[in-house]
Protein backbone atom coordinates (compact mmCIF):
# COMPACT_ATOMS: atom_id res chain seq x y z
CA UNK A 1 -16.01 0.60 66.88
CA UNK A 2 -13.09 1.92 68.91
CA UNK A 3 -13.81 1.83 72.62
CA UNK A 4 -14.35 5.31 73.98
CA UNK A 5 -16.01 6.55 70.83
CA UNK A 6 -19.53 7.91 70.69
CA UNK A 7 -22.41 5.50 70.54
CA UNK A 8 -23.84 4.64 67.19
CA UNK A 9 -26.70 6.71 65.78
CA UNK A 10 -30.25 5.45 65.79
CA UNK A 11 -30.61 6.28 62.11
CA UNK A 12 -33.05 8.63 60.40
CA UNK A 13 -32.85 12.23 61.58
CA UNK A 14 -29.89 11.48 63.88
CA UNK A 15 -27.88 10.12 60.98
CA UNK A 16 -28.73 13.12 58.80
CA UNK A 17 -27.81 15.52 61.61
CA UNK A 18 -24.45 13.78 61.98
CA UNK A 19 -23.74 13.99 58.26
CA UNK A 20 -24.75 17.66 58.15
CA UNK A 21 -22.43 18.38 61.10
CA UNK A 22 -19.50 16.69 59.35
CA UNK A 23 -20.13 18.63 56.13
CA UNK A 24 -20.43 21.93 58.02
CA UNK A 25 -17.74 21.78 60.69
CA UNK A 26 -15.18 19.51 59.03
CA UNK A 27 -15.94 19.95 55.35
CA UNK A 28 -16.44 23.72 55.64
CA UNK A 29 -19.52 23.72 53.40
CA UNK A 30 -22.11 26.47 53.69
CA UNK A 31 -25.68 25.60 54.60
CA UNK A 32 -26.73 26.22 51.00
CA UNK A 33 -24.03 23.82 49.78
CA UNK A 34 -25.10 21.21 52.32
CA UNK A 35 -28.72 21.62 51.27
CA UNK A 36 -27.74 20.98 47.66
CA UNK A 37 -25.56 17.99 48.61
CA UNK A 38 -28.29 16.36 50.73
CA UNK A 39 -31.19 17.39 48.46
CA UNK A 40 -33.10 19.26 51.13
CA UNK A 41 -34.01 22.81 52.03
CA UNK A 42 -31.64 25.22 53.76
CA UNK A 43 -34.15 25.49 56.60
CA UNK A 44 -33.91 21.75 57.23
CA UNK A 45 -30.09 21.89 57.16
CA UNK A 46 -30.18 24.64 59.77
CA UNK A 47 -32.52 22.50 61.91
CA UNK A 48 -30.28 19.43 61.57
CA UNK A 49 -27.17 21.33 62.66
CA UNK A 50 -29.07 22.79 65.60
CA UNK A 51 -30.13 19.23 66.50
CA UNK A 52 -26.49 18.10 66.32
CA UNK A 53 -25.61 20.83 68.83
CA UNK A 54 -28.47 19.86 71.17
CA UNK A 55 -27.58 16.17 71.02
CA UNK A 56 -23.95 16.87 71.97
CA UNK A 57 -22.57 15.63 68.64
CA UNK A 58 -20.38 18.68 68.14
CA UNK A 59 -17.46 18.91 70.56
CA UNK A 60 -13.81 18.74 69.55
CA UNK A 61 -14.85 16.22 66.92
CA UNK A 62 -18.19 15.24 65.46
CA UNK A 63 -19.33 12.66 68.02
CA UNK A 64 -21.24 10.40 65.72
CA UNK A 65 -21.14 8.51 62.45
CA UNK A 66 -23.81 8.53 59.72
CA UNK A 67 -25.69 5.24 59.51
CA UNK A 68 -24.42 4.55 55.99
CA UNK A 69 -20.82 4.72 57.27
CA UNK A 70 -21.65 2.44 60.19
CA UNK A 71 -22.92 -0.15 57.71
CA UNK A 72 -19.65 0.07 55.77
CA UNK A 73 -17.68 -0.32 59.02
CA UNK A 74 -19.57 -3.49 59.87
CA UNK A 75 -18.98 -4.97 56.42
CA UNK A 76 -15.25 -4.21 56.47
CA UNK A 77 -14.85 -5.70 59.95
CA UNK A 78 -16.61 -8.90 58.91
CA UNK A 79 -14.79 -9.23 55.61
CA UNK A 80 -11.27 -8.73 56.95
CA UNK A 81 -11.64 -9.84 60.56
CA UNK A 82 -10.90 -6.36 61.92
CA UNK A 83 -11.45 -5.59 65.58
CA UNK A 84 -12.54 -2.06 64.69
CA UNK A 85 -13.14 0.29 61.78
CA UNK A 86 -13.95 3.98 61.35
CA UNK A 87 -15.38 5.23 58.05
CA UNK A 88 -15.61 9.01 57.76
CA UNK A 89 -18.29 10.66 55.59
CA UNK A 90 -17.34 12.15 52.25
CA UNK A 91 -16.81 15.92 52.43
CA UNK A 92 -16.70 16.73 48.74
CA UNK A 93 -13.09 15.54 48.48
CA UNK A 94 -14.01 12.57 46.33
CA UNK A 95 -12.55 14.31 43.25
CA UNK A 96 -9.14 14.58 44.92
CA UNK A 97 -6.60 11.74 44.84
CA UNK A 98 -6.19 11.82 48.63
CA UNK A 99 -8.93 13.02 51.06
CA UNK A 100 -6.40 14.30 53.59
CA UNK A 101 -8.75 16.43 55.68
CA UNK A 102 -11.31 13.65 56.10
CA UNK A 103 -8.69 11.10 57.15
CA UNK A 104 -6.89 13.60 59.39
CA UNK A 105 -10.01 14.41 61.41
CA UNK A 106 -11.04 10.75 61.67
CA UNK A 107 -7.54 9.69 62.70
CA UNK A 108 -7.25 12.47 65.28
CA UNK A 109 -10.57 11.41 66.77
CA UNK A 110 -9.35 7.82 67.10
CA UNK A 111 -6.06 8.87 68.69
CA UNK A 112 -7.81 11.36 70.99
CA UNK A 113 -10.14 8.63 72.23
CA UNK A 114 -7.24 6.26 72.85
CA UNK A 115 -5.50 8.96 74.90
CA UNK A 116 -8.65 9.96 76.78
CA UNK A 117 -9.46 6.40 77.82
CA UNK A 118 -5.87 5.49 78.67
CA UNK A 119 -5.87 2.63 76.17
CA UNK A 120 -2.30 3.42 75.11
CA UNK A 121 0.64 4.95 76.95
CA UNK A 122 3.39 4.12 74.45
CA UNK A 123 2.33 4.83 70.87
CA UNK A 124 4.36 4.02 67.78
CA UNK A 125 3.77 6.19 64.72
CA UNK A 126 4.75 6.32 61.09
CA UNK A 127 4.98 9.46 58.97
CA UNK A 128 3.51 11.00 55.82
CA UNK A 129 0.98 13.60 54.74
CA UNK A 130 -2.05 11.98 56.32
CA UNK A 131 -0.47 11.32 59.73
CA UNK A 132 1.03 14.81 59.82
CA UNK A 133 -2.40 16.31 59.15
CA UNK A 134 -3.85 14.03 61.84
CA UNK A 135 -1.35 15.39 64.36
CA UNK A 136 -2.30 18.95 63.41
CA UNK A 137 -5.96 18.13 64.10
CA UNK A 138 -5.29 16.70 67.57
CA UNK A 139 -6.43 19.06 70.37
CA UNK A 140 -3.69 20.80 72.35
CA UNK A 141 -3.80 19.04 75.69
CA UNK A 142 -1.00 17.93 78.06
CA UNK A 143 -0.65 14.15 78.20
CA UNK A 144 1.45 13.16 81.17
CA UNK A 145 2.83 9.66 81.14
CA UNK A 146 2.30 9.25 77.38
CA UNK A 147 5.20 8.55 75.03
CA UNK A 148 5.30 8.68 71.24
CA UNK A 149 8.01 6.88 69.29
CA UNK A 150 8.75 7.00 65.58
CA UNK A 151 8.91 3.58 63.98
CA UNK A 152 11.06 4.55 61.00
CA UNK A 153 13.80 6.90 59.91
CA UNK A 154 12.81 10.55 59.83
CA UNK A 155 15.25 12.04 57.30
CA UNK A 156 15.45 12.06 53.53
CA UNK A 157 18.60 10.78 51.87
CA UNK A 158 20.10 14.24 51.57
CA UNK A 159 19.77 14.55 55.36
CA UNK A 160 16.93 17.06 55.06
CA UNK A 161 14.15 16.92 57.61
CA UNK A 162 11.05 15.07 56.52
CA UNK A 163 8.44 17.79 55.82
CA UNK A 164 5.74 15.41 57.03
CA UNK A 165 7.45 14.26 60.20
CA UNK A 166 4.79 13.37 62.74
CA UNK A 167 6.60 12.83 66.02
CA UNK A 168 7.49 16.48 66.59
CA UNK A 169 3.95 17.63 65.79
CA UNK A 170 2.52 15.17 68.32
CA UNK A 171 5.00 16.32 70.94
CA UNK A 172 4.10 19.95 70.30
CA UNK A 173 0.37 19.18 70.63
CA UNK A 174 0.56 17.04 73.75
CA UNK A 175 3.80 17.87 75.54
CA UNK A 176 4.36 14.11 75.73
CA UNK A 177 7.77 12.47 75.62
CA UNK A 178 8.79 11.63 72.08
CA UNK A 179 11.53 9.59 70.48
CA UNK A 180 12.49 9.72 66.83
CA UNK A 181 15.04 8.12 64.55
CA UNK A 182 17.46 10.83 63.32
CA UNK A 183 18.47 8.70 60.33
CA UNK A 184 17.28 8.30 56.73
CA UNK A 185 14.14 6.32 56.01
CA UNK A 186 16.19 4.11 53.66
CA UNK A 187 19.94 3.64 53.90
CA UNK A 188 21.90 3.79 50.66
CA UNK A 189 23.46 0.36 51.20
CA UNK A 190 23.19 -2.56 53.56
CA UNK A 191 26.52 -1.58 55.07
CA UNK A 192 25.26 1.94 55.75
CA UNK A 193 22.18 0.50 57.44
CA UNK A 194 24.30 -1.69 59.72
CA UNK A 195 26.32 1.33 60.85
CA UNK A 196 23.21 3.42 61.52
CA UNK A 197 21.39 0.61 63.29
CA UNK A 198 24.35 0.23 65.64
CA UNK A 199 23.83 3.73 67.01
CA UNK A 200 22.57 3.71 70.60
CA UNK A 201 19.77 6.24 69.98
CA UNK A 202 18.49 4.23 67.03
CA UNK A 203 18.53 0.95 68.93
CA UNK A 204 16.73 2.58 71.86
CA UNK A 205 13.96 4.04 69.71
CA UNK A 206 13.38 0.77 67.88
CA UNK A 207 13.32 -1.16 71.17
CA UNK A 208 10.62 1.23 72.41
CA UNK A 209 8.70 0.77 69.16
CA UNK A 210 8.63 -2.98 69.72
CA UNK A 211 6.99 -2.37 73.11
CA UNK A 212 4.31 0.02 71.81
CA UNK A 213 0.73 -0.51 73.01
CA UNK A 214 -0.67 1.05 69.85
CA UNK A 215 0.74 1.57 66.35
CA UNK A 216 -0.66 4.18 63.95
CA UNK A 217 0.65 4.11 60.39
CA UNK A 218 -0.18 5.33 56.93
CA UNK A 219 -0.13 3.40 53.69
CA UNK A 220 2.22 4.49 50.93
CA UNK A 221 1.56 4.08 47.23
CA UNK A 222 3.86 2.96 44.43
CA UNK A 223 3.41 5.90 42.06
CA UNK A 224 5.46 8.75 40.63
CA UNK A 225 3.42 11.33 42.57
CA UNK A 226 3.68 9.51 45.87
CA UNK A 227 4.90 11.03 49.11
CA UNK A 228 7.95 8.73 49.05
CA UNK A 229 9.11 9.99 45.66
CA UNK A 230 8.30 13.66 46.23
CA UNK A 231 10.24 13.80 49.49
CA UNK A 232 13.25 11.96 48.09
CA UNK A 233 12.73 8.89 50.25
CA UNK A 234 13.05 6.67 47.19
CA UNK A 235 14.50 7.29 43.73
CA UNK A 236 12.71 6.93 40.41
CA UNK A 237 14.94 3.93 39.65
CA UNK A 238 13.83 2.23 42.84
CA UNK A 239 10.22 3.05 42.00
CA UNK A 240 10.61 1.40 38.58
CA UNK A 241 12.05 -1.75 40.19
CA UNK A 242 9.21 -1.89 42.71
CA UNK A 243 6.64 -1.63 39.94
CA UNK A 244 8.38 -4.37 37.98
CA UNK A 245 8.22 -6.64 41.02
CA UNK A 246 4.49 -6.03 41.43
CA UNK A 247 4.53 -3.80 44.51
CA UNK A 248 1.16 -2.13 45.18
CA UNK A 249 1.77 -0.43 48.53
CA UNK A 250 4.09 0.30 51.44
CA UNK A 251 3.73 0.20 55.20
CA UNK A 252 6.50 1.30 57.55
CA UNK A 253 9.12 1.07 54.82
CA UNK A 254 8.18 -2.38 53.51
CA UNK A 255 6.70 -2.78 50.03
CA UNK A 256 4.15 -5.51 49.38
CA UNK A 257 2.32 -6.99 46.41
CA UNK A 258 -1.36 -7.60 45.66
CA UNK A 259 -1.34 -10.67 47.92
CA UNK A 260 0.12 -8.71 50.84
CA UNK A 261 3.51 -10.42 50.52
CA UNK A 262 6.76 -8.44 50.71
CA UNK A 263 8.29 -8.06 47.28
CA UNK A 264 11.84 -9.27 46.70
CA UNK A 265 13.26 -5.76 46.36
CA UNK A 266 16.60 -4.76 47.81
CA UNK A 267 15.09 -1.56 49.21
CA UNK A 268 12.99 -3.57 51.66
CA UNK A 269 16.20 -4.73 53.34
CA UNK A 270 17.51 -1.16 53.55
CA UNK A 271 14.57 0.32 55.45
CA UNK A 272 15.57 1.69 58.84
CA UNK A 273 12.37 0.84 60.62
CA UNK A 274 10.72 -1.63 62.93
CA UNK A 275 10.22 -5.09 61.40
CA UNK A 276 6.66 -5.93 60.43
CA UNK A 277 6.98 -9.17 62.41
CA UNK A 278 7.29 -7.01 65.53
CA UNK A 279 3.75 -5.76 64.96
CA UNK A 280 2.18 -9.18 65.46
CA UNK A 281 -0.20 -9.16 68.41
CA UNK A 282 -0.34 -5.36 68.64
CA UNK A 283 -3.15 -2.93 67.99
CA UNK A 284 -2.21 -1.69 64.52
CA UNK A 285 -4.29 1.14 63.04
CA UNK A 286 -3.81 2.36 59.48
CA UNK A 287 -5.11 5.62 58.04
CA UNK A 288 -5.59 5.17 54.31
CA UNK A 289 -7.92 6.43 51.63
CA UNK A 290 -8.21 7.97 48.20
CA UNK A 291 -8.65 6.78 44.63
CA UNK A 292 -5.25 5.08 44.39
CA UNK A 293 -5.39 3.14 47.66
CA UNK A 294 -8.17 0.46 47.53
CA UNK A 295 -5.93 -2.31 46.15
CA UNK A 296 -3.18 -1.63 48.67
CA UNK A 297 -5.73 -1.49 51.51
CA UNK A 298 -7.27 -4.82 50.51
CA UNK A 299 -3.85 -6.40 50.22
CA UNK A 300 -2.56 -5.34 53.63
CA UNK A 301 -5.87 -6.12 55.36
CA UNK A 302 -5.77 -9.64 53.94
CA UNK A 303 -2.55 -10.36 55.87
CA UNK A 304 -4.17 -9.96 59.29
CA UNK A 305 -1.38 -7.58 60.32
CA UNK A 306 -3.75 -4.61 60.66
CA UNK A 307 -6.38 -4.74 63.40
CA UNK A 308 -8.18 -1.44 62.76
CA UNK A 309 -8.81 0.70 59.68
CA UNK A 310 -9.58 4.42 59.39
CA UNK A 311 -10.73 5.37 55.91
CA UNK A 312 -13.25 7.49 54.02
CA UNK A 313 -16.65 6.60 52.66
CA UNK A 314 -15.71 6.47 48.97
CA UNK A 315 -12.65 4.31 49.62
CA UNK A 316 -14.63 1.94 51.83
CA UNK A 317 -17.09 1.39 48.99
CA UNK A 318 -14.22 0.77 46.54
CA UNK A 319 -12.50 -1.72 48.85
CA UNK A 320 -15.71 -3.69 49.35
CA UNK A 321 -16.83 -3.62 45.74
CA UNK A 322 -13.50 -4.90 44.39
CA UNK A 323 -12.95 -7.58 47.04
CA UNK A 324 -12.81 -11.18 45.75
CA UNK A 325 -16.09 -13.04 45.77
CA UNK A 326 -16.65 -15.29 48.76
CA UNK A 327 -15.02 -12.95 51.31
């Protein structure tokens, strides 16, 4: 578990109370809906939520994890050699491609704990729907001495602002210093990248990113409905090439295959972002979940680049069930 997080539940009633609290306060389910979901009476649901209040589980976040999720966390840590893992309970989002709300709350809890305990003063962040929602879930609280830095370009190719830019949302929530890259995520050509990388502000932000104590990133998918395609970060032609080369996912602008190796695509060389080699030895947390992500999650975890995973219950099961035998 992440240091600074709540202690693990003892199981039984405590675990049920934690799950009921998640479904009520994060999932937004009524007590009748929770009763149906957990196959119990509404009276018992009411008692469990009252217990969660008494036990101090309900604060800014739900301070606890259902026992079933703890078991999944342990298995993922053992299988992939992770130093920490957080598996959030399902909130009825399992029919959606991406459980944004679940991941956002879990990610905000992890970041909040890192800030509260002083584990990180310089934090590198990616961008995307999940990280933007995470920033929106972070409590408004001044954080003196903390700096956030974007690890990749923050503009689309038509110079429009990224609708899921994270760095400004974090700054607005915390009042912390922030540094971003006012350049496209991907340059059009290698020559364009060289010109942009020569800019003083870009060099400064990337230098800060290399010094980050903690890195928080999302995991992109190689699909027509992906965030990268919808925001104009990559073209449909580039998407077709990536698929042909066997790409299954993307992290910080680099596309990788099922074995976690970077694919030989020209777009990888045009990413205006920190190099993945610069992440070695750092605390690297990824927020990733949903029906389309298990293969990409397994692939990137197998590289040893990621030290901590934040995911949802359904995705955790899928990652474990499809992992190669012997792991």
